Protein backbone atom coordinates (compact mmCIF):
# COMPACT_ATOMS: atom_id res chain seq x y z
CA UNK A 1 -46.88 147.39 137.30
CA UNK A 2 -44.00 146.48 134.61
CA UNK A 3 -44.20 148.59 131.24
CA UNK A 4 -44.84 144.46 129.62
CA UNK A 5 -48.27 144.15 131.43
CA UNK A 6 -49.41 147.81 129.46
CA UNK A 7 -48.53 146.39 126.24
CA UNK A 8 -50.39 142.71 127.03
CA UNK A 9 -53.02 144.99 128.27
CA UNK A 10 -53.16 146.73 125.43
CA UNK A 11 -53.43 143.96 122.91
CA UNK A 12 -56.38 142.62 125.12
CA UNK A 13 -58.20 145.66 124.92
CA UNK A 14 -57.31 145.67 120.92
CA UNK A 15 -58.70 141.90 120.87
CA UNK A 16 -61.95 142.80 122.27
CA UNK A 17 -62.66 145.72 120.21
CA UNK A 18 -61.97 144.02 117.19
CA UNK A 19 -64.10 141.11 118.38
CA UNK A 20 -67.22 143.80 119.15
CA UNK A 21 -66.61 145.23 115.82
CA UNK A 22 -66.69 142.01 113.88
CA UNK A 23 -69.51 141.11 115.76
CA UNK A 24 -71.49 143.79 115.10
CA UNK A 25 -70.56 143.72 111.64
CA UNK A 26 -72.03 140.40 111.42
CA UNK A 27 -75.44 141.64 112.94
CA UNK A 28 -75.66 144.49 110.43
CA UNK A 29 -75.53 142.04 107.43
CA UNK A 30 -78.42 139.51 109.11
CA UNK A 31 -80.26 142.77 110.11
CA UNK A 32 -79.98 143.45 106.04
CA UNK A 33 -80.58 140.01 104.70
CA UNK A 34 -83.90 140.03 107.08
CA UNK A 35 -85.05 143.24 105.88
CA UNK A 36 -84.63 142.08 102.54
CA UNK A 37 -86.21 138.87 102.89
CA UNK A 38 -89.14 140.75 104.67
CA UNK A 39 -89.52 143.37 101.93
CA UNK A 40 -89.38 140.34 99.17
CA UNK A 41 -92.23 138.31 101.14
CA UNK A 42 -94.44 141.55 101.29
CA UNK A 43 -94.37 141.79 97.62
CA UNK A 44 -95.04 138.38 96.94
CA UNK A 45 -98.09 138.62 99.47
CA UNK A 46 -99.16 141.95 97.86
CA UNK A 47 -99.28 140.39 94.18
CA UNK A 48 -100.90 137.10 95.68
CA UNK A 49 -103.49 139.60 96.62
CA UNK A 50 -103.58 141.47 93.53
CA UNK A 51 -104.06 138.40 91.40
CA UNK A 52 -107.04 136.60 93.78
């Protein structure tokens, strides 16, 4: 194999790992936002039950 092919392969794997890491970070961010929203809804439900 030509040395140039290894360089392209490296760039390809680097791009794939970068995309995977970016996707993972977006999933973590979404999960965090959803967890905060669920906690907020639980708190609102508890306040509503305590008033009534």
